[in-house]
PDB file of N, CA and C in Angstrom:
ATOM      1  N   LEU A   1       0.899  -1.105   0.037  1.00  0.00           N
ATOM      2  CA  LEU A   1       0.066   0.047  -0.002  1.00  0.00           C
ATOM      3  C   LEU A   1       0.906   1.220   0.062  1.00  0.00           C
ATOM      4  N   GLY A   2       0.837   2.007  -1.018  1.00  0.00           N
ATOM      5  CA  GLY A   2       1.588   3.283  -1.133  1.00  0.00           C
ATOM      6  C   GLY A   2       0.684   4.431  -0.634  1.00  0.00           C
ATOM      7  N   ILE A   3       0.961   4.878   0.473  1.00  0.00           N
ATOM      8  CA  ILE A   3       0.179   5.973   1.076  1.00  0.00           C
ATOM      9  C   ILE A   3       0.534   7.308   0.344  1.00  0.00           C
ATOM     10  N   GLN A   4      -0.507   7.856  -0.106  1.00  0.00           N
ATOM     11  CA  GLN A   4      -0.315   9.252  -0.663  1.00  0.00           C
ATOM     12  C   GLN A   4      -0.811  10.339   0.178  1.00  0.00           C
ATOM     13  N   ASN A   5      -1.762  10.258   1.017  1.00  0.00           N
ATOM     14  CA  ASN A   5      -2.278  11.251   1.921  1.00  0.00           C
ATOM     15  C   ASN A   5      -2.749  10.636   3.106  1.00  0.00           C
ATOM     16  N   SER A   6      -2.338  11.265   4.224  1.00  0.00           N
ATOM     17  CA  SER A   6      -2.644  10.925   5.579  1.00  0.00           C
ATOM     18  C   SER A   6      -2.555  11.956   6.648  1.00  0.00           C
ATOM     19  N   TRP A   7      -3.380  11.872   7.725  1.00  0.00           N
ATOM     20  CA  TRP A   7      -3.185  12.788   8.863  1.00  0.00           C
ATOM     21  C   TRP A   7      -3.559  11.914  10.070  1.00  0.00           C
ATOM     22  N   ARG A   8      -3.105  12.439  11.240  1.00  0.00           N
ATOM     23  CA  ARG A   8      -3.328  11.729  12.510  1.00  0.00           C
ATOM     24  C   ARG A   8      -3.597  12.598  13.618  1.00  0.00           C
ATOM     25  N   LEU A   9      -4.469  12.123  14.463  1.00  0.00           N
ATOM     26  CA  LEU A   9      -4.831  12.860  15.726  1.00  0.00           C
ATOM     27  C   LEU A   9      -4.517  11.942  16.868  1.00  0.00           C
ATOM     28  N   SER A  10      -3.822  12.401  17.853  1.00  0.00           N
ATOM     29  CA  SER A  10      -3.346  11.467  18.864  1.00  0.00           C
ATOM     30  C   SER A  10      -3.715  12.192  20.257  1.00  0.00           C
ATOM     31  N   ALA A  11      -4.187  11.586  21.275  1.00  0.00           N
ATOM     32  CA  ALA A  11      -4.362  12.133  22.610  1.00  0.00           C
ATOM     33  C   ALA A  11      -3.719  11.141  23.610  1.00  0.00           C
ATOM     34  N   ASN A  12      -2.906  11.717  24.572  1.00  0.00           N
ATOM     35  CA  ASN A  12      -2.256  11.025  25.578  1.00  0.00           C
ATOM     36  C   ASN A  12      -2.550  11.754  26.926  1.00  0.00           C
ATOM     37  N   TYR A  13      -2.579  10.841  27.928  1.00  0.00           N
ATOM     38  CA  TYR A  13      -2.727  11.405  29.270  1.00  0.00           C
ATOM     39  C   TYR A  13      -1.761  10.511  30.142  1.00  0.00           C
ATOM     40  N   ARG A  14      -0.658  11.097  30.641  1.00  0.00           N
ATOM     41  CA  ARG A  14       0.312  10.494  31.500  1.00  0.00           C
ATOM     42  C   ARG A  14       0.164  10.774  32.882  1.00  0.00           C
ATOM     43  N   LEU A  15       0.267   9.811  33.721  1.00  0.00           N
ATOM     44  CA  LEU A  15       0.081  10.063  35.197  1.00  0.00           C
ATOM     45  C   LEU A  15       0.898   9.210  36.024  1.00  0.00           C
ATOM     46  N   PRO A  16       1.546   9.781  37.029  1.00  0.00           N
ATOM     47  CA  PRO A  16       2.494   8.994  37.911  1.00  0.00           C
ATOM     48  C   PRO A  16       1.582   8.056  38.758  1.00  0.00           C
ATOM     49  N   LEU A  17       2.059   6.960  38.961  1.00  0.00           N
ATOM     50  CA  LEU A  17       1.284   5.955  39.925  1.00  0.00           C
ATOM     51  C   LEU A  17       2.098   5.763  41.216  1.00  0.00           C
ATOM     52  N   ALA A  18       3.406   5.655  41.107  1.00  0.00           N
ATOM     53  CA  ALA A  18       4.196   5.437  42.336  1.00  0.00           C
ATOM     54  C   ALA A  18       5.622   5.816  42.175  1.00  0.00           C
ATOM     55  N   TYR A  19       6.307   6.119  43.295  1.00  0.00           N
ATOM     56  CA  TYR A  19       7.682   6.313  43.327  1.00  0.00           C
ATOM     57  C   TYR A  19       8.348   5.377  44.297  1.00  0.00           C
ATOM     58  N   PRO A  20       8.514   4.162  43.833  1.00  0.00           N
ATOM     59  CA  PRO A  20       8.902   3.049  44.750  1.00  0.00           C
ATOM     60  C   PRO A  20      10.216   3.229  45.412  1.00  0.00           C
ATOM     61  N   ASP A  21      11.248   3.931  44.835  1.00  0.00           N
ATOM     62  CA  ASP A  21      12.552   4.216  45.381  1.00  0.00           C
ATOM     63  C   ASP A  21      13.273   2.989  46.054  1.00  0.00           C
ATOM     64  N   PHE A  22      13.301   1.880  45.284  1.00  0.00           N
ATOM     65  CA  PHE A  22      14.010   0.685  45.768  1.00  0.00           C
ATOM     66  C   PHE A  22      14.870   0.094  44.766  1.00  0.00           C
ATOM     67  N   GLY A  23      15.863  -0.662  45.125  1.00  0.00           N
ATOM     68  CA  GLY A  23      16.724  -1.365  44.261  1.00  0.00           C
ATOM     69  C   GLY A  23      16.865  -2.811  44.549  1.00  0.00           C
ATOM     70  N   LEU A  24      17.453  -3.529  43.568  1.00  0.00           N
ATOM     71  CA  LEU A  24      17.580  -5.085  43.728  1.00  0.00           C
ATOM     72  C   LEU A  24      19.024  -5.294  43.596  1.00  0.00           C
ATOM     73  N   ALA A  25      19.733  -5.563  44.558  1.00  0.00           N
ATOM     74  CA  ALA A  25      21.148  -6.099  44.573  1.00  0.00           C
ATOM     75  C   ALA A  25      22.052  -5.321  43.628  1.00  0.00           C
ATOM     76  N   GLY A  26      21.824  -4.004  43.418  1.00  0.00           N
ATOM     77  CA  GLY A  26      22.645  -3.208  42.643  1.00  0.00           C
ATOM     78  C   GLY A  26      22.475  -3.500  41.146  1.00  0.00           C
ATOM     79  N   ILE A  27      21.521  -4.242  40.673  1.00  0.00           N
ATOM     80  CA  ILE A  27      21.226  -4.564  39.365  1.00  0.00           C
ATOM     81  C   ILE A  27      20.346  -3.556  38.827  1.00  0.00           C
ATOM     82  N   THR A  28      19.251  -3.256  39.454  1.00  0.00           N
ATOM     83  CA  THR A  28      18.276  -2.280  38.986  1.00  0.00           C
ATOM     84  C   THR A  28      17.761  -1.399  40.113  1.00  0.00           C
ATOM     85  N   TYR A  29      17.373  -0.286  39.827  1.00  0.00           N
ATOM     86  CA  TYR A  29      16.866   0.774  40.755  1.00  0.00           C
ATOM     87  C   TYR A  29      15.580   1.315  40.280  1.00  0.00           C
ATOM     88  N   PHE A  30      14.446   1.082  40.877  1.00  0.00           N
ATOM     89  CA  PHE A  30      13.153   1.512  40.363  1.00  0.00           C
ATOM     90  C   PHE A  30      12.892   2.993  40.933  1.00  0.00           C
ATOM     91  N   LYS A  31      12.862   3.929  39.977  1.00  0.00           N
ATOM     92  CA  LYS A  31      12.560   5.297  40.308  1.00  0.00           C
ATOM     93  C   LYS A  31      11.112   5.816  40.297  1.00  0.00           C
ATOM     94  N   ARG A  32      10.422   5.395  39.198  1.00  0.00           N
ATOM     95  CA  ARG A  32       9.149   5.803  39.007  1.00  0.00           C
ATOM     96  C   ARG A  32       8.309   4.838  38.175  1.00  0.00           C
ATOM     97  N   ILE A  33       7.075   4.743  38.481  1.00  0.00           N
ATOM     98  CA  ILE A  33       6.116   3.893  37.841  1.00  0.00           C
ATOM     99  C   ILE A  33       4.931   4.724  37.380  1.00  0.00           C
ATOM    100  N   SER A  34       4.676   4.754  36.033  1.00  0.00           N
ATOM    101  CA  SER A  34       3.632   5.741  35.559  1.00  0.00           C
ATOM    102  C   SER A  34       2.745   4.959  34.582  1.00  0.00           C
ATOM    103  N   ALA A  35       1.662   5.588  34.268  1.00  0.00           N
ATOM    104  CA  ALA A  35       0.734   5.083  33.244  1.00  0.00           C
ATOM    105  C   ALA A  35       0.492   6.090  32.193  1.00  0.00           C
ATOM    106  N   ASN A  36       0.269   5.725  31.005  1.00  0.00           N
ATOM    107  CA  ASN A  36      -0.094   6.533  29.865  1.00  0.00           C
ATOM    108  C   ASN A  36      -1.347   6.030  29.230  1.00  0.00           C
ATOM    109  N   LEU A  37      -2.416   6.807  29.160  1.00  0.00           N
ATOM    110  CA  LEU A  37      -3.583   6.382  28.463  1.00  0.00           C
ATOM    111  C   LEU A  37      -3.529   7.067  27.062  1.00  0.00           C
ATOM    112  N   PHE A  38      -3.919   6.309  25.954  1.00  0.00           N
ATOM    113  CA  PHE A  38      -3.708   7.019  24.618  1.00  0.00           C
ATOM    114  C   PHE A  38      -4.800   6.642  23.738  1.00  0.00           C
ATOM    115  N   TYR A  39      -5.060   7.442  22.748  1.00  0.00           N
ATOM    116  CA  TYR A  39      -6.071   7.224  21.653  1.00  0.00           C
ATOM    117  C   TYR A  39      -5.463   7.778  20.468  1.00  0.00           C
ATOM    118  N   ASP A  40      -5.457   6.956  19.269  1.00  0.00           N
ATOM    119  CA  ASP A  40      -4.985   7.346  17.999  1.00  0.00           C
ATOM    120  C   ASP A  40      -6.025   7.298  16.982  1.00  0.00           C
ATOM    121  N   HIS A  41      -6.110   8.320  16.153  1.00  0.00           N
ATOM    122  CA  HIS A  41      -7.196   8.336  15.082  1.00  0.00           C
ATOM    123  C   HIS A  41      -6.487   8.782  13.787  1.00  0.00           C
ATOM    124  N   ALA A  42      -6.410   8.061  12.812  1.00  0.00           N
ATOM    125  CA  ALA A  42      -5.703   8.438  11.560  1.00  0.00           C
ATOM    126  C   ALA A  42      -6.559   8.223  10.367  1.00  0.00           C
ATOM    127  N   TYR A  43      -6.323   8.980   9.338  1.00  0.00           N
ATOM    128  CA  TYR A  43      -6.836   8.775   8.049  1.00  0.00           C
ATOM    129  C   TYR A  43      -5.765   8.606   7.014  1.00  0.00           C
ATOM    130  N   VAL A  44      -5.973   7.572   6.284  1.00  0.00           N
ATOM    131  CA  VAL A  44      -4.887   7.236   5.178  1.00  0.00           C
ATOM    132  C   VAL A  44      -5.572   7.077   3.847  1.00  0.00           C
ATOM    133  N   SER A  45      -4.864   7.367   2.794  1.00  0.00           N
ATOM    134  CA  SER A  45      -5.373   7.176   1.416  1.00  0.00           C
ATOM    135  C   SER A  45      -4.239   6.921   0.496  1.00  0.00           C
ATOM    136  N   ASP A  46      -4.419   5.943  -0.447  1.00  0.00           N
ATOM    137  CA  ASP A  46      -3.508   5.607  -1.487  1.00  0.00           C
ATOM    138  C   ASP A  46      -3.924   6.079  -2.843  1.00  0.00           C
ATOM    139  N   GLY A  47      -5.024   6.852  -3.057  1.00  0.00           N
ATOM    140  CA  GLY A  47      -5.503   7.339  -4.262  1.00  0.00           C
ATOM    141  C   GLY A  47      -6.642   6.483  -4.786  1.00  0.00           C
ATOM    142  N   LYS A  48      -6.560   5.155  -4.524  1.00  0.00           N
ATOM    143  CA  LYS A  48      -7.629   4.262  -4.905  1.00  0.00           C
ATOM    144  C   LYS A  48      -8.631   4.071  -3.752  1.00  0.00           C
ATOM    145  N   SER A  49      -8.170   3.891  -2.693  1.00  0.00           N
ATOM    146  CA  SER A  49      -8.977   3.628  -1.455  1.00  0.00           C
ATOM    147  C   SER A  49      -8.531   4.404  -0.133  1.00  0.00           C
ATOM    148  N   SER A  50      -9.438   4.556   0.697  1.00  0.00           N
ATOM    149  CA  SER A  50      -9.027   5.434   1.900  1.00  0.00           C
ATOM    150  C   SER A  50      -9.844   4.813   3.075  1.00  0.00           C
ATOM    151  N   GLY A  51      -9.325   5.196   4.293  1.00  0.00           N
ATOM    152  CA  GLY A  51     -10.028   4.602   5.439  1.00  0.00           C
ATOM    153  C   GLY A  51      -9.447   5.301   6.718  1.00  0.00           C
ATOM    154  N   ILE A  52     -10.177   5.009   7.744  1.00  0.00           N
ATOM    155  CA  ILE A  52      -9.918   5.519   9.148  1.00  0.00           C
ATOM    156  C   ILE A  52      -9.210   4.398   9.883  1.00  0.00           C
ATOM    157  N   LEU A  53      -8.134   4.553  10.683  1.00  0.00           N
ATOM    158  CA  LEU A  53      -7.561   3.750  11.598  1.00  0.00           C
ATOM    159  C   LEU A  53      -7.558   4.288  12.974  1.00  0.00           C
ATOM    160  N   GLN A  54      -7.991   3.483  13.959  1.00  0.00           N
ATOM    161  CA  GLN A  54      -8.132   3.902  15.352  1.00  0.00           C
ATOM    162  C   GLN A  54      -7.596   2.836  16.373  1.00  0.00           C
ATOM    163  N   SER A  55      -6.979   3.267  17.357  1.00  0.00           N
ATOM    164  CA  SER A  55      -6.569   2.393  18.541  1.00  0.00           C
ATOM    165  C   SER A  55      -6.556   3.266  19.778  1.00  0.00           C
ATOM    166  N   THR A  56      -6.706   2.519  20.858  1.00  0.00           N
ATOM    167  CA  THR A  56      -6.871   3.026  22.197  1.00  0.00           C
ATOM    168  C   THR A  56      -6.116   2.076  23.176  1.00  0.00           C
ATOM    169  N   GLY A  57      -5.643   2.536  24.352  1.00  0.00           N
ATOM    170  CA  GLY A  57      -5.064   1.652  25.298  1.00  0.00           C
ATOM    171  C   GLY A  57      -4.413   2.229  26.406  1.00  0.00           C
ATOM    172  N   ILE A  58      -3.547   1.500  27.084  1.00  0.00           N
ATOM    173  CA  ILE A  58      -2.787   2.029  28.257  1.00  0.00           C
ATOM    174  C   ILE A  58      -1.365   1.354  28.224  1.00  0.00           C
ATOM    175  N   GLU A  59      -0.426   2.246  28.697  1.00  0.00           N
ATOM    176  CA  GLU A  59       0.961   1.789  28.852  1.00  0.00           C
ATOM    177  C   GLU A  59       1.289   1.820  30.374  1.00  0.00           C
ATOM    178  N   LEU A  60       2.040   0.779  30.773  1.00  0.00           N
ATOM    179  CA  LEU A  60       2.473   0.900  32.202  1.00  0.00           C
ATOM    180  C   LEU A  60       3.975   1.083  31.957  1.00  0.00           C
ATOM    181  N   LEU A  61       4.582   2.114  32.494  1.00  0.00           N
ATOM    182  CA  LEU A  61       5.996   2.464  32.240  1.00  0.00           C
ATOM    183  C   LEU A  61       6.764   2.463  33.591  1.00  0.00           C
ATOM    184  N   PHE A  62       7.943   1.897  33.539  1.00  0.00           N
ATOM    185  CA  PHE A  62       8.963   1.785  34.667  1.00  0.00           C
ATOM    186  C   PHE A  62      10.111   2.571  34.240  1.00  0.00           C
ATOM    187  N   SER A  63      10.621   3.539  35.126  1.00  0.00           N
ATOM    188  CA  SER A  63      11.782   4.281  34.914  1.00  0.00           C
ATOM    189  C   SER A  63      12.879   3.661  35.870  1.00  0.00           C
ATOM    190  N   ASN A  64      13.744   2.962  35.238  1.00  0.00           N
ATOM    191  CA  ASN A  64      14.815   2.212  35.897  1.00  0.00           C
ATOM    192  C   ASN A  64      16.180   2.665  35.741  1.00  0.00           C
ATOM    193  N   THR A  65      17.096   2.422  36.559  1.00  0.00           N
ATOM    194  CA  THR A  65      18.468   2.677  36.417  1.00  0.00           C
ATOM    195  C   THR A  65      19.110   1.264  36.496  1.00  0.00           C
ATOM    196  N   TYR A  66      19.864   0.762  35.679  1.00  0.00           N
ATOM    197  CA  TYR A  66      20.546  -0.464  35.663  1.00  0.00           C
ATOM    198  C   TYR A  66      21.990  -0.460  36.056  1.00  0.00           C
ATOM    199  N   LEU A  67      22.492  -1.292  36.920  1.00  0.00           N
ATOM    200  CA  LEU A  67      23.913  -1.380  37.284  1.00  0.00           C
ATOM    201  C   LEU A  67      24.409   0.011  37.829  1.00  0.00           C
ATOM    202  N   ASN A  68      23.512   0.792  38.428  1.00  0.00           N
ATOM    203  CA  ASN A  68      23.839   2.176  38.927  1.00  0.00           C
ATOM    204  C   ASN A  68      24.420   2.984  37.949  1.00  0.00           C
ATOM    205  N   PHE A  69      24.191   2.783  36.640  1.00  0.00           N
ATOM    206  CA  PHE A  69      24.975   3.527  35.695  1.00  0.00           C
ATOM    207  C   PHE A  69      24.072   4.032  34.553  1.00  0.00           C
ATOM    208  N   ILE A  70      23.214   3.247  33.981  1.00  0.00           N
ATOM    209  CA  ILE A  70      22.552   3.535  32.677  1.00  0.00           C
ATOM    210  C   ILE A  70      20.972   3.503  32.951  1.00  0.00           C
ATOM    211  N   GLU A  71      20.319   4.543  32.451  1.00  0.00           N
ATOM    212  CA  GLU A  71      18.818   4.518  32.696  1.00  0.00           C
ATOM    213  C   GLU A  71      18.153   4.010  31.360  1.00  0.00           C
ATOM    214  N   ILE A  72      17.475   2.971  31.541  1.00  0.00           N
ATOM    215  CA  ILE A  72      16.673   2.281  30.352  1.00  0.00           C
ATOM    216  C   ILE A  72      15.293   2.239  30.733  1.00  0.00           C
ATOM    217  N   PRO A  73      14.438   3.163  30.273  1.00  0.00           N
ATOM    218  CA  PRO A  73      13.024   3.000  30.507  1.00  0.00           C
ATOM    219  C   PRO A  73      12.365   1.755  29.870  1.00  0.00           C
ATOM    220  N   LEU A  74      11.434   1.121  30.573  1.00  0.00           N
ATOM    221  CA  LEU A  74      10.959  -0.052  30.201  1.00  0.00           C
ATOM    222  C   LEU A  74       9.421  -0.032  30.507  1.00  0.00           C
ATOM    223  N   GLY A  75       8.598  -0.696  29.664  1.00  0.00           N
ATOM    224  CA  GLY A  75       7.118  -0.704  29.919  1.00  0.00           C
ATOM    225  C   GLY A  75       6.523  -1.789  29.081  1.00  0.00           C
ATOM    226  N   ILE A  76       5.189  -1.907  29.297  1.00  0.00           N
ATOM    227  CA  ILE A  76       4.305  -2.724  28.387  1.00  0.00           C
ATOM    228  C   ILE A  76       3.183  -1.921  27.986  1.00  0.00           C
ATOM    229  N   ARG A  77       2.789  -2.137  26.788  1.00  0.00           N
ATOM    230  CA  ARG A  77       1.610  -1.397  26.094  1.00  0.00           C
ATOM    231  C   ARG A  77       0.552  -2.513  25.805  1.00  0.00           C
ATOM    232  N   LEU A  78      -0.735  -2.111  26.408  1.00  0.00           N
ATOM    233  CA  LEU A  78      -1.887  -2.989  26.094  1.00  0.00           C
ATOM    234  C   LEU A  78      -2.822  -2.035  25.409  1.00  0.00           C
ATOM    235  N   GLY A  79      -3.141  -2.408  24.158  1.00  0.00           N
ATOM    236  CA  GLY A  79      -3.995  -1.685  23.259  1.00  0.00           C
ATOM    237  C   GLY A  79      -5.077  -2.388  22.658  1.00  0.00           C
ATOM    238  N   TYR A  80      -5.936  -1.697  22.103  1.00  0.00           N
ATOM    239  CA  TYR A  80      -7.086  -2.317  21.352  1.00  0.00           C
ATOM    240  C   TYR A  80      -7.223  -1.503  19.969  1.00  0.00           C
ATOM    241  N   ARG A  81      -7.037  -2.285  18.917  1.00  0.00           N
ATOM    242  CA  ARG A  81      -7.228  -1.733  17.501  1.00  0.00           C
ATOM    243  C   ARG A  81      -8.714  -1.763  17.169  1.00  0.00           C
ATOM    244  N   LEU A  82      -9.337  -0.622  17.054  1.00  0.00           N
ATOM    245  CA  LEU A  82     -10.709  -0.629  16.768  1.00  0.00           C
ATOM    246  C   LEU A  82     -11.043  -0.968  15.277  1.00  0.00           C
ATOM    247  N   PRO A  83     -12.229  -1.414  15.057  1.00  0.00           N
ATOM    248  CA  PRO A  83     -12.596  -1.900  13.557  1.00  0.00           C
ATOM    249  C   PRO A  83     -12.365  -0.618  12.690  1.00  0.00           C
ATOM    250  N   ASN A  84     -11.869  -1.003  11.525  1.00  0.00           N
ATOM    251  CA  ASN A  84     -11.467   0.151  10.558  1.00  0.00           C
ATOM    252  C   ASN A  84     -11.902  -0.168   9.219  1.00  0.00           C
ATOM    253  N   ASP A  85     -11.881   0.888   8.306  1.00  0.00           N
ATOM    254  CA  ASP A  85     -12.412   0.691   6.951  1.00  0.00           C
ATOM    255  C   ASP A  85     -11.363   0.208   6.064  1.00  0.00           C
ATOM    256  N   LEU A  86     -10.093   0.192   6.265  1.00  0.00           N
ATOM    257  CA  LEU A  86      -9.090  -0.105   5.302  1.00  0.00           C
ATOM    258  C   LEU A  86      -8.518  -1.438   5.385  1.00  0.00           C
ATOM    259  N   TYR A  87      -8.075  -1.916   6.580  1.00  0.00           N
ATOM    260  CA  TYR A  87      -7.354  -3.174   6.795  1.00  0.00           C
ATOM    261  C   TYR A  87      -8.193  -4.282   7.255  1.00  0.00           C
ATOM    262  N   GLY A  88      -9.375  -3.992   7.916  1.00  0.00           N
ATOM    263  CA  GLY A  88     -10.208  -5.014   8.445  1.00  0.00           C
ATOM    264  C   GLY A  88      -9.581  -5.691   9.728  1.00  0.00           C
ATOM    265  N   GLU A  89      -8.446  -5.146  10.207  1.00  0.00           N
ATOM    266  CA  GLU A  89      -7.904  -5.671  11.421  1.00  0.00           C
ATOM    267  C   GLU A  89      -8.538  -5.064  12.637  1.00  0.00           C
ATOM    268  N   LYS A  90      -8.668  -5.825  13.670  1.00  0.00           N
ATOM    269  CA  LYS A  90      -9.155  -5.256  14.977  1.00  0.00           C
ATOM    270  C   LYS A  90      -8.631  -6.321  16.072  1.00  0.00           C
ATOM    271  N   GLY A  91      -8.754  -5.828  17.286  1.00  0.00           N
ATOM    272  CA  GLY A  91      -8.386  -6.570  18.336  1.00  0.00           C
ATOM    273  C   GLY A  91      -7.445  -6.248  19.225  1.00  0.00           C
ATOM    274  N   LEU A  92      -7.170  -6.979  20.286  1.00  0.00           N
ATOM    275  CA  LEU A  92      -6.238  -6.726  21.383  1.00  0.00           C
ATOM    276  C   LEU A  92      -4.717  -6.874  20.968  1.00  0.00           C
ATOM    277  N   PHE A  93      -3.804  -6.092  21.339  1.00  0.00           N
ATOM    278  CA  PHE A  93      -2.451  -6.267  21.100  1.00  0.00           C
ATOM    279  C   PHE A  93      -1.568  -5.861  22.265  1.00  0.00           C
ATOM    280  N   VAL A  94      -0.468  -6.556  22.495  1.00  0.00           N
ATOM    281  CA  VAL A  94       0.483  -6.292  23.585  1.00  0.00           C
ATOM    282  C   VAL A  94       1.808  -6.128  23.088  1.00  0.00           C
ATOM    283  N   ARG A  95       2.512  -4.994  23.440  1.00  0.00           N
ATOM    284  CA  ARG A  95       3.861  -4.753  23.002  1.00  0.00           C
ATOM    285  C   ARG A  95       4.761  -4.284  24.191  1.00  0.00           C
ATOM    286  N   LEU A  96       6.039  -4.614  24.049  1.00  0.00           N
ATOM    287  CA  LEU A  96       7.096  -4.208  24.928  1.00  0.00           C
ATOM    288  C   LEU A  96       7.538  -2.828  24.536  1.00  0.00           C
ATOM    289  N   VAL A  97       7.603  -1.944  25.500  1.00  0.00           N
ATOM    290  CA  VAL A  97       8.147  -0.559  25.149  1.00  0.00           C
ATOM    291  C   VAL A  97       9.526  -0.377  25.807  1.00  0.00           C
ATOM    292  N   LEU A  98      10.455  -0.211  25.112  1.00  0.00           N
ATOM    293  CA  LEU A  98      11.893   0.004  25.548  1.00  0.00           C
ATOM    294  C   LEU A  98      12.383   1.332  25.251  1.00  0.00           C
ATOM    295  N   GLY A  99      12.825   2.126  26.149  1.00  0.00           N
ATOM    296  CA  GLY A  99      13.518   3.461  25.812  1.00  0.00           C
ATOM    297  C   GLY A  99      12.669   4.490  25.248  1.00  0.00           C
ATOM    298  N   GLN A 100      11.291   4.587  25.588  1.00  0.00           N
ATOM    299  CA  GLN A 100      10.591   5.675  24.995  1.00  0.00           C
ATOM    300  C   GLN A 100       9.813   6.403  26.068  1.00  0.00           C
ATOM    301  N   PHE A 101      10.445   7.418  26.685  1.00  0.00           N
ATOM    302  CA  PHE A 101       9.886   8.228  27.653  1.00  0.00           C
ATOM    303  C   PHE A 101      10.127   9.655  27.287  1.00  0.00           C
TER     304      PHE A 101
END
């Protein structure tokens, strides 16, 4: 599919859940746990067909420092792809989020 025209609208709401402030044997140190609620709405067109794509969900995000040296954010994204006009895909998806804060 060669996309010729598209636009996207996205809404996010990030909120802190906890500041655990603890470590595990010098391997990792947990600084913050937060959540991100999201909704994405996009219009895509390839000149012959067009459609609306939508998804919504939540991310659980952990801000960690590893080996007391490097900070590597880690999280999990649980989302739901809403029925759409173009691809016919819908349903639940789970993804690992690494380094995106």
